[in-house]
Protein backbone atom coordinates (compact mmCIF):
# COMPACT_ATOMS: atom_id res chain seq x y z
CA UNK A 1 69.68 71.56 104.73
CA UNK A 2 70.00 70.51 101.10
CA UNK A 3 66.74 70.39 99.18
CA UNK A 4 68.28 68.41 96.30
CA UNK A 5 70.65 65.46 95.95
CA UNK A 6 72.93 64.06 93.25
CA UNK A 7 73.51 60.34 92.81
CA UNK A 8 77.05 59.17 92.12
CA UNK A 9 77.87 55.61 91.06
CA UNK A 10 81.25 54.46 92.39
CA UNK A 11 83.55 52.03 90.50
CA UNK A 12 82.35 49.30 92.88
CA UNK A 13 78.81 49.81 91.59
CA UNK A 14 77.66 51.32 94.85
CA UNK A 15 75.68 54.54 94.61
CA UNK A 16 75.94 57.41 97.06
CA UNK A 17 73.63 60.38 97.58
CA UNK A 18 75.41 63.73 97.70
CA UNK A 19 73.69 66.91 98.99
CA UNK A 20 73.22 69.72 96.46
CA UNK A 21 73.12 73.30 97.78
CA UNK A 22 71.87 76.41 96.01
CA UNK A 23 73.35 79.84 96.57
CA UNK A 24 71.49 83.11 96.12
CA UNK A 25 72.70 83.17 92.50
CA UNK A 26 75.18 81.07 90.56
CA UNK A 27 75.58 77.35 89.92
CA UNK A 28 74.39 74.73 92.39
CA UNK A 29 77.10 73.13 94.52
CA UNK A 30 77.49 69.39 95.15
CA UNK A 31 78.79 68.58 98.64
CA UNK A 32 81.36 65.80 98.17
CA UNK A 33 82.61 65.73 101.79
CA UNK A 34 80.85 62.39 102.36
CA UNK A 35 82.92 60.66 99.67
CA UNK A 36 85.89 60.21 101.99
CA UNK A 37 84.15 57.61 104.15
CA UNK A 38 83.56 55.66 100.93
CA UNK A 39 87.30 55.70 100.21
CA UNK A 40 87.30 58.50 97.62
CA UNK A 41 87.95 62.20 97.34
CA UNK A 42 87.81 64.56 94.35
CA UNK A 43 90.69 65.74 92.14
CA UNK A 44 90.42 69.33 90.88
CA UNK A 45 93.76 71.00 89.94
CA UNK A 46 93.49 74.75 90.29
CA UNK A 47 90.23 74.35 92.26
CA UNK A 48 88.32 75.39 89.15
CA UNK A 49 85.22 73.41 90.14
CA UNK A 50 85.59 73.40 93.91
CA UNK A 51 83.86 75.56 96.51
CA UNK A 52 85.97 75.76 99.66
CA UNK A 53 83.70 78.10 101.56
CA UNK A 54 80.35 79.82 101.80
CA UNK A 55 80.54 83.60 101.45
CA UNK A 56 78.22 86.64 101.38
CA UNK A 57 80.79 89.19 100.20
CA UNK A 58 81.41 89.09 96.44
CA UNK A 59 79.85 87.33 93.47
CA UNK A 60 81.24 86.98 89.94
CA UNK A 61 79.51 85.71 86.82
CA UNK A 62 82.31 85.47 84.31
CA UNK A 63 80.10 84.50 81.39
CA UNK A 64 77.86 87.54 81.80
CA UNK A 65 80.56 89.96 82.94
CA UNK A 66 78.98 90.62 86.35
CA UNK A 67 80.78 91.63 89.54
CA UNK A 68 78.74 92.29 92.69
CA UNK A 69 79.90 93.45 96.12
CA UNK A 70 77.24 92.61 98.72
CA UNK A 71 74.71 92.66 95.87
CA UNK A 72 75.75 96.03 94.41
CA UNK A 73 77.20 96.06 90.88
CA UNK A 74 80.74 97.33 90.42
CA UNK A 75 79.43 99.82 87.86
CA UNK A 76 77.01 101.37 90.36
CA UNK A 77 79.64 101.51 93.08
CA UNK A 78 82.16 103.14 90.74
CA UNK A 79 79.60 105.75 89.73
CA UNK A 80 77.98 106.54 93.08
CA UNK A 81 80.44 105.42 95.76
CA UNK A 82 84.11 105.84 96.65
CA UNK A 83 86.79 103.52 97.97
CA UNK A 84 86.27 103.99 101.70
CA UNK A 85 82.51 103.62 101.39
CA UNK A 86 83.13 100.39 99.45
CA UNK A 87 85.47 99.29 102.25
CA UNK A 88 82.66 99.85 104.74
CA UNK A 89 80.29 97.86 102.52
CA UNK A 90 82.66 94.90 102.19
CA UNK A 91 83.41 94.74 105.92
CA UNK A 92 80.01 95.49 107.45
CA UNK A 93 77.74 94.17 104.70
CA UNK A 94 75.65 97.31 104.16
CA UNK A 95 76.16 100.78 102.74
CA UNK A 96 76.78 103.28 105.56
CA UNK A 97 74.52 106.11 106.57
CA UNK A 98 76.14 109.56 106.22
CA UNK A 99 76.92 109.48 109.94
CA UNK A 100 78.40 105.98 109.77
CA UNK A 101 80.53 106.88 106.78
CA UNK A 102 81.83 110.03 108.45
CA UNK A 103 82.83 108.03 111.54
CA UNK A 104 84.45 105.31 109.42
CA UNK A 105 86.44 107.84 107.38
CA UNK A 106 87.47 109.53 110.64
CA UNK A 107 88.69 106.20 112.07
CA UNK A 108 90.67 105.31 108.96
CA UNK A 109 92.17 108.80 108.58
CA UNK A 110 93.43 108.80 112.16
CA UNK A 111 95.06 105.39 111.87
CA UNK A 112 97.25 106.28 108.88
CA UNK A 113 100.39 107.08 110.90
CA UNK A 114 102.82 104.30 111.75
CA UNK A 115 104.83 103.67 114.88
CA UNK A 116 107.98 105.76 114.36
CA UNK A 117 110.23 102.76 114.98
CA UNK A 118 108.73 101.05 111.96
CA UNK A 119 110.36 103.63 109.70
CA UNK A 120 113.76 102.26 110.75
CA UNK A 121 112.64 98.84 109.54
CA UNK A 122 113.28 100.08 106.00
CA UNK A 123 116.95 100.72 106.78
CA UNK A 124 117.44 96.96 106.51
CA UNK A 125 116.39 96.93 102.86
CA UNK A 126 118.77 97.71 100.03
CA UNK A 127 117.69 100.75 98.04
CA UNK A 128 116.96 98.65 94.94
CA UNK A 129 114.89 96.02 96.75
CA UNK A 130 111.61 95.32 94.98
CA UNK A 131 108.78 97.26 96.67
CA UNK A 132 106.71 94.07 96.99
CA UNK A 133 109.54 92.44 98.93
CA UNK A 134 109.50 95.39 101.31
CA UNK A 135 105.71 95.28 101.60
CA UNK A 136 105.74 91.58 102.51
CA UNK A 137 108.20 92.24 105.31
CA UNK A 138 106.74 95.53 106.53
CA UNK A 139 103.14 94.29 106.75
CA UNK A 140 104.27 91.15 108.55
CA UNK A 141 106.20 93.38 110.96
CA UNK A 142 103.00 95.25 111.89
CA UNK A 143 102.14 92.31 114.14
CA UNK A 144 105.21 93.16 116.24
CA UNK A 145 104.03 96.75 116.71
CA UNK A 146 100.26 96.37 117.01
CA UNK A 147 99.77 93.29 119.17
CA UNK A 148 97.56 95.03 121.73
CA UNK A 149 94.43 93.73 119.96
CA UNK A 150 95.29 90.26 118.78
CA UNK A 151 92.39 88.19 120.09
CA UNK A 152 90.98 87.04 116.74
CA UNK A 153 87.94 85.64 118.59
CA UNK A 154 86.96 89.20 119.52
CA UNK A 155 84.88 90.98 116.88
CA UNK A 156 86.06 94.35 118.21
CA UNK A 157 89.71 93.32 117.96
CA UNK A 158 89.16 92.14 114.39
CA UNK A 159 87.53 95.47 113.55
CA UNK A 160 90.45 97.47 114.98
CA UNK A 161 92.92 95.30 113.06
CA UNK A 162 90.95 95.90 109.85
CA UNK A 163 90.89 99.67 110.40
CA UNK A 164 94.62 99.69 111.01
CA UNK A 165 95.41 97.65 107.93
CA UNK A 166 93.25 99.69 105.56
CA UNK A 167 94.62 102.92 107.01
CA UNK A 168 98.30 102.05 107.15
CA UNK A 169 98.75 100.25 103.83
CA UNK A 170 99.01 103.47 101.73
CA UNK A 171 101.57 104.84 104.19
CA UNK A 172 103.65 101.67 103.96
CA UNK A 173 103.35 101.61 100.16
CA UNK A 174 104.57 105.19 99.86
CA UNK A 175 107.45 104.44 102.23
CA UNK A 176 108.50 101.55 99.98
CA UNK A 177 108.62 103.95 97.03
CA UNK A 178 110.41 106.74 98.88
CA UNK A 179 113.02 104.31 100.19
CA UNK A 180 113.69 103.04 96.66
CA UNK A 181 114.41 106.55 95.33
CA UNK A 182 116.22 107.84 98.41
CA UNK A 183 113.73 110.54 99.35
CA UNK A 184 112.49 111.25 102.90
CA UNK A 185 109.23 109.70 104.03
CA UNK A 186 106.21 111.99 103.97
CA UNK A 187 103.84 111.81 106.92
CA UNK A 188 100.13 111.40 106.11
CA UNK A 189 97.81 114.39 106.30
CA UNK A 190 94.40 114.21 107.94
CA UNK A 191 92.96 116.91 105.69
CA UNK A 192 93.31 114.83 102.52
CA UNK A 193 91.16 112.04 101.13
CA UNK A 194 92.40 108.45 101.13
CA UNK A 195 93.53 108.62 97.48
CA UNK A 196 94.92 112.16 97.70
CA UNK A 197 96.86 111.27 100.84
CA UNK A 198 98.49 108.34 99.08
CA UNK A 199 99.50 110.53 96.12
CA UNK A 200 100.82 113.19 98.49
CA UNK A 201 102.98 110.65 100.35
CA UNK A 202 104.20 109.24 97.03
CA UNK A 203 105.12 112.45 95.25
CA UNK A 204 105.35 115.18 97.89
CA UNK A 205 108.67 116.38 99.29
CA UNK A 206 109.58 118.68 102.20
CA UNK A 207 110.98 121.15 99.67
CA UNK A 208 107.74 122.42 98.16
CA UNK A 209 103.99 122.06 98.35
CA UNK A 210 102.47 119.21 96.35
CA UNK A 211 98.98 119.78 95.00
CA UNK A 212 97.00 116.72 93.92
CA UNK A 213 95.16 116.95 90.60
CA UNK A 214 91.41 116.29 91.11
CA UNK A 215 91.31 114.07 88.00
CA UNK A 216 94.26 112.02 89.22
CA UNK A 217 92.74 111.79 92.70
CA UNK A 218 89.46 110.48 91.24
CA UNK A 219 91.31 107.97 89.07
CA UNK A 220 93.39 106.75 92.01
CA UNK A 221 90.30 106.30 94.16
CA UNK A 222 88.64 104.39 91.33
CA UNK A 223 91.65 102.10 90.94
CA UNK A 224 91.44 101.33 94.65
CA UNK A 225 87.68 100.72 94.42
CA UNK A 226 87.82 98.48 91.35
CA UNK A 227 90.48 96.24 92.89
CA UNK A 228 88.96 96.08 96.39
CA UNK A 229 87.78 92.47 96.13
CA UNK A 230 87.42 89.73 93.53
CA UNK A 231 85.95 86.72 95.31
CA UNK A 232 88.06 83.59 96.04
CA UNK A 233 91.15 84.41 93.96
CA UNK A 234 94.64 83.09 94.68
CA UNK A 235 95.67 85.77 97.20
CA UNK A 236 92.32 85.81 99.01
CA UNK A 237 92.40 82.03 99.26
CA UNK A 238 95.94 82.32 100.64
CA UNK A 239 94.78 84.75 103.32
CA UNK A 240 91.93 82.43 104.24
CA UNK A 241 94.21 79.38 104.36
CA UNK A 242 96.72 81.19 106.58
CA UNK A 243 93.86 82.51 108.72
CA UNK A 244 92.45 79.02 109.17
CA UNK A 245 95.51 78.21 111.30
CA UNK A 246 94.64 81.00 113.74
CA UNK A 247 97.46 83.25 112.53
CA UNK A 248 97.16 86.97 113.28
CA UNK A 249 95.64 89.18 110.56
CA UNK A 250 98.85 91.07 109.74
CA UNK A 251 100.64 87.78 109.02
CA UNK A 252 97.68 86.59 106.94
CA UNK A 253 97.66 89.74 104.82
CA UNK A 254 101.43 89.48 104.39
CA UNK A 255 100.85 85.98 103.00
CA UNK A 256 98.26 87.44 100.64
CA UNK A 257 100.77 90.02 99.43
CA UNK A 258 103.26 87.23 98.67
CA UNK A 259 100.63 85.41 96.59
CA UNK A 260 99.63 88.63 94.83
CA UNK A 261 103.23 89.25 93.81
CA UNK A 262 103.09 86.50 91.17
CA UNK A 263 102.94 87.76 87.56
CA UNK A 264 99.91 85.55 86.86
CA UNK A 265 97.95 87.39 89.58
CA UNK A 266 98.80 90.89 90.76
CA UNK A 267 101.64 91.47 88.34
CA UNK A 268 99.39 91.57 85.27
CA UNK A 269 99.32 95.36 84.90
CA UNK A 270 103.10 95.40 85.26
CA UNK A 271 103.25 92.88 82.41
CA UNK A 272 101.14 95.23 80.25
CA UNK A 273 103.78 97.95 80.47
CA UNK A 274 106.60 95.50 79.74
CA UNK A 275 104.66 94.35 76.66
CA UNK A 276 104.22 97.95 75.48
CA UNK A 277 107.96 98.46 75.90
CA UNK A 278 108.61 95.32 73.86
CA UNK A 279 106.35 96.52 71.03
CA UNK A 280 108.05 99.90 71.15
CA UNK A 281 106.31 101.98 68.50
CA UNK A 282 102.94 102.12 66.78
CA UNK A 283 104.36 100.97 63.44
CA UNK A 284 105.45 97.69 65.10
CA UNK A 285 101.93 96.82 66.27
CA UNK A 286 100.84 94.86 63.13
CA UNK A 287 103.83 92.55 63.50
CA UNK A 288 103.03 91.84 67.15
CA UNK A 289 99.35 91.37 66.38
CA UNK A 290 100.31 88.63 63.95
CA UNK A 291 102.60 87.10 66.58
CA UNK A 292 99.69 87.08 69.02
CA UNK A 293 97.50 85.29 66.46
CA UNK A 294 100.16 82.67 65.75
CA UNK A 295 99.49 79.65 68.03
CA UNK A 296 103.14 78.62 67.69
CA UNK A 297 104.49 81.99 68.84
CA UNK A 298 104.99 82.40 72.63
CA UNK A 299 104.14 86.12 72.49
CA UNK A 300 100.91 87.01 74.29
CA UNK A 301 99.00 90.26 74.38
CA UNK A 302 98.98 91.13 78.08
CA UNK A 303 95.96 92.93 79.48
CA UNK A 304 93.51 91.28 77.09
CA UNK A 305 90.97 88.69 78.15
CA UNK A 306 90.56 87.35 81.66
CA UNK A 307 90.62 83.94 83.32
CA UNK A 308 87.24 84.51 84.97
CA UNK A 309 85.45 86.87 82.60
CA UNK A 310 84.49 85.24 79.31
CA UNK A 311 82.88 88.51 78.30
CA UNK A 312 83.99 92.11 78.83
CA UNK A 313 85.57 92.74 82.24
CA UNK A 314 82.98 95.02 83.94
CA UNK A 315 85.77 96.88 85.74
CA UNK A 316 87.45 97.69 82.42
CA UNK A 317 84.51 99.76 81.23
CA UNK A 318 84.82 102.00 84.27
CA UNK A 319 88.61 102.12 84.13
CA UNK A 320 88.61 103.14 80.46
CA UNK A 321 86.59 106.26 81.32
CA UNK A 322 89.12 107.14 84.04
CA UNK A 323 91.98 106.48 81.64
CA UNK A 324 90.54 108.87 79.05
CA UNK A 325 89.98 111.54 81.73
CA UNK A 326 93.50 111.28 83.17
CA UNK A 327 95.22 111.33 79.78
CA UNK A 328 93.21 114.39 78.76
CA UNK A 329 94.00 116.14 82.07
CA UNK A 330 97.73 115.41 82.18
CA UNK A 331 98.48 115.65 78.44
CA UNK A 332 101.19 113.06 78.93
CA UNK A 333 103.53 112.45 75.99
CA UNK A 334 104.62 108.83 76.27
CA UNK A 335 105.26 106.50 73.29
CA UNK A 336 103.86 103.59 75.31
CA UNK A 337 100.51 105.34 75.67
CA UNK A 338 100.27 105.81 71.90
CA UNK A 339 100.96 102.10 71.47
CA UNK A 340 98.36 101.26 74.11
CA UNK A 341 95.65 103.37 72.49
CA UNK A 342 96.27 101.82 69.07
CA UNK A 343 96.24 98.32 70.58
CA UNK A 344 92.93 99.13 72.23
CA UNK A 345 91.46 100.34 68.93
CA UNK A 346 92.55 97.17 67.11
CA UNK A 347 91.34 94.83 69.84
CA UNK A 348 87.89 96.42 69.86
CA UNK A 349 87.54 96.28 66.07
CA UNK A 350 89.37 93.12 64.95
CA UNK A 351 86.99 90.10 64.68
CA UNK A 352 89.83 87.82 65.82
CA UNK A 353 89.80 89.41 69.28
CA UNK A 354 86.03 89.91 69.45
CA UNK A 355 85.32 86.27 68.54
CA UNK A 356 87.66 85.09 71.30
CA UNK A 357 86.40 87.64 73.85
CA UNK A 358 89.90 89.11 74.11
CA UNK A 359 88.82 92.56 75.21
CA UNK A 360 91.06 94.93 77.19
CA UNK A 361 90.72 94.12 80.90
CA UNK A 362 91.11 96.20 84.04
CA UNK A 363 94.87 95.58 84.15
CA UNK A 364 95.30 97.10 80.70
CA UNK A 365 93.69 100.40 81.66
CA UNK A 366 95.01 100.60 85.21
CA UNK A 367 98.55 100.13 83.90
CA UNK A 368 98.05 103.03 81.49
CA UNK A 369 96.67 105.28 84.23
CA UNK A 370 99.41 104.49 86.74
CA UNK A 371 102.07 105.05 84.11
CA UNK A 372 100.52 108.39 83.12
CA UNK A 373 100.46 109.48 86.78
CA UNK A 374 104.18 108.78 87.01
CA UNK A 375 104.10 105.66 89.15
CA UNK A 376 106.88 103.19 88.23
CA UNK A 377 105.88 99.70 87.15
CA UNK A 378 107.56 98.19 90.22
CA UNK A 379 104.89 99.90 92.35
CA UNK A 380 101.88 98.64 90.38
CA UNK A 381 101.39 95.45 92.39
CA UNK A 382 101.99 97.33 95.64
CA UNK A 383 99.05 99.59 94.80
CA UNK A 384 97.00 96.49 94.00
CA UNK A 385 97.87 95.19 97.48
CA UNK A 386 96.75 98.45 99.08
CA UNK A 387 93.34 98.28 97.42
CA UNK A 388 92.84 94.52 97.91
CA UNK A 389 93.58 94.68 101.65
CA UNK A 390 89.93 95.32 102.49
CA UNK A 391 88.86 92.28 100.47
CA UNK A 392 91.43 90.08 102.16
CA UNK A 393 90.59 91.20 105.66
CA UNK A 394 86.82 91.02 105.03
CA UNK A 395 87.06 87.39 103.88
CA UNK A 396 89.32 86.60 106.85
CA UNK A 397 86.80 88.22 109.19
CA UNK A 398 83.91 86.31 107.61
CA UNK A 399 85.75 83.02 108.09
CA UNK A 400 86.79 83.70 111.69
CA UNK A 401 83.25 84.82 112.57
CA UNK A 402 81.81 81.37 111.79
CA UNK A 403 82.80 77.80 112.64
CA UNK A 404 85.66 76.82 110.34
CA UNK A 405 88.24 74.11 109.83
CA UNK A 406 91.93 74.44 109.16
CA UNK A 407 92.54 74.23 105.42
CA UNK A 408 93.94 70.88 104.37
CA UNK A 409 93.77 70.08 100.63
CA UNK A 410 94.29 66.46 99.61
CA UNK A 411 96.49 65.08 96.84
CA UNK A 412 96.57 62.38 94.19
CA UNK A 413 99.77 60.57 95.12
CA UNK A 414 101.71 59.16 92.15
CA UNK A 415 105.08 58.52 93.80
CA UNK A 416 106.69 55.26 94.86
CA UNK A 417 104.73 52.78 96.96
CA UNK A 418 106.24 51.73 100.27
CA UNK A 419 109.51 49.85 99.63
CA UNK A 420 112.23 48.36 101.81
CA UNK A 421 115.44 50.23 102.54
CA UNK A 422 118.24 48.48 100.60
CA UNK A 423 120.65 46.39 102.64
CA UNK A 424 124.41 46.81 102.25
């Protein structure tokens, strides 16, 4: 029940009372559903001021630079937790006991293998197909292999589907990469952590043993953790919209991957590396800084600022520490990294960027780390999809667990009115 109401005066002069709801934290929400019976509905391109659902999973305060998962700050989770524990938190709503975590890790680890026939699915892709194109198809195809638990009304079936998705996504991602470079697929190993297993499947070969660097393993796990969920973003909303039709979870996540593929969403860290390539060398940075400051120049500094965060991206602080650790460990010599470090220094010291809150965001640092590890830019968004899977499936589960309606946005029609068909 709403404890407050807002009064809206319609063009006719009639006033209507609209319920106002308060969340745990954040702005109050005006329920405008009753406007339709008065002959009106709201217009909000981009849904910037529209709440489409009630959720208990993630909260963002962009002005203050706050990101909470089930009430825990992203900084605390990055310091004290790991990716699979964060997955448990997002899905179940609480941090696990040691026994619960051990069982959860066991379940995920023993779901990492794929049906052998699925490996042949990749034979249908050309070797230079974009990995995200392969991921869209391969994840959608999971529904053809794992349809034994497809009753979305069953909480147990939803849980099994979630375990399978979280477990199998790194295997599929590595297969996309191996297919693109013509190397044999590497089977997952149950003795490795989630992050180490992914790196092993990416870079290992049957020819020699591959040993994962502890610093790289930590950085990879942190990348997964920091991208696990981000509230009602474009891809999560896509998963929810697809799920509202009753579609199976593999199809819904495939839809989320398609939405994530867009350069304005999951492709941002890819865009950072392309920008660094465009700048080229450190001596060219001043020229590009001036281009970025010129309102008439189309050049934009990618990886700086954020649509949601009007302050420092809280994930970027954590990612910067991982970036420094990885670069020190690997001693990578890459001209792009020199350009990136100088760009970071300028952005953190130039009043132009500070005044406009254009600080390096999580995409800036994650792009640097992934590049240093040796992961090609075409795989960046695939890795984003791997980590975001738990967020997608948790929001889908939350929606299916409660009464919900099929998504059906309205429109402001500005086309032709009804008109007669012309006679000959």
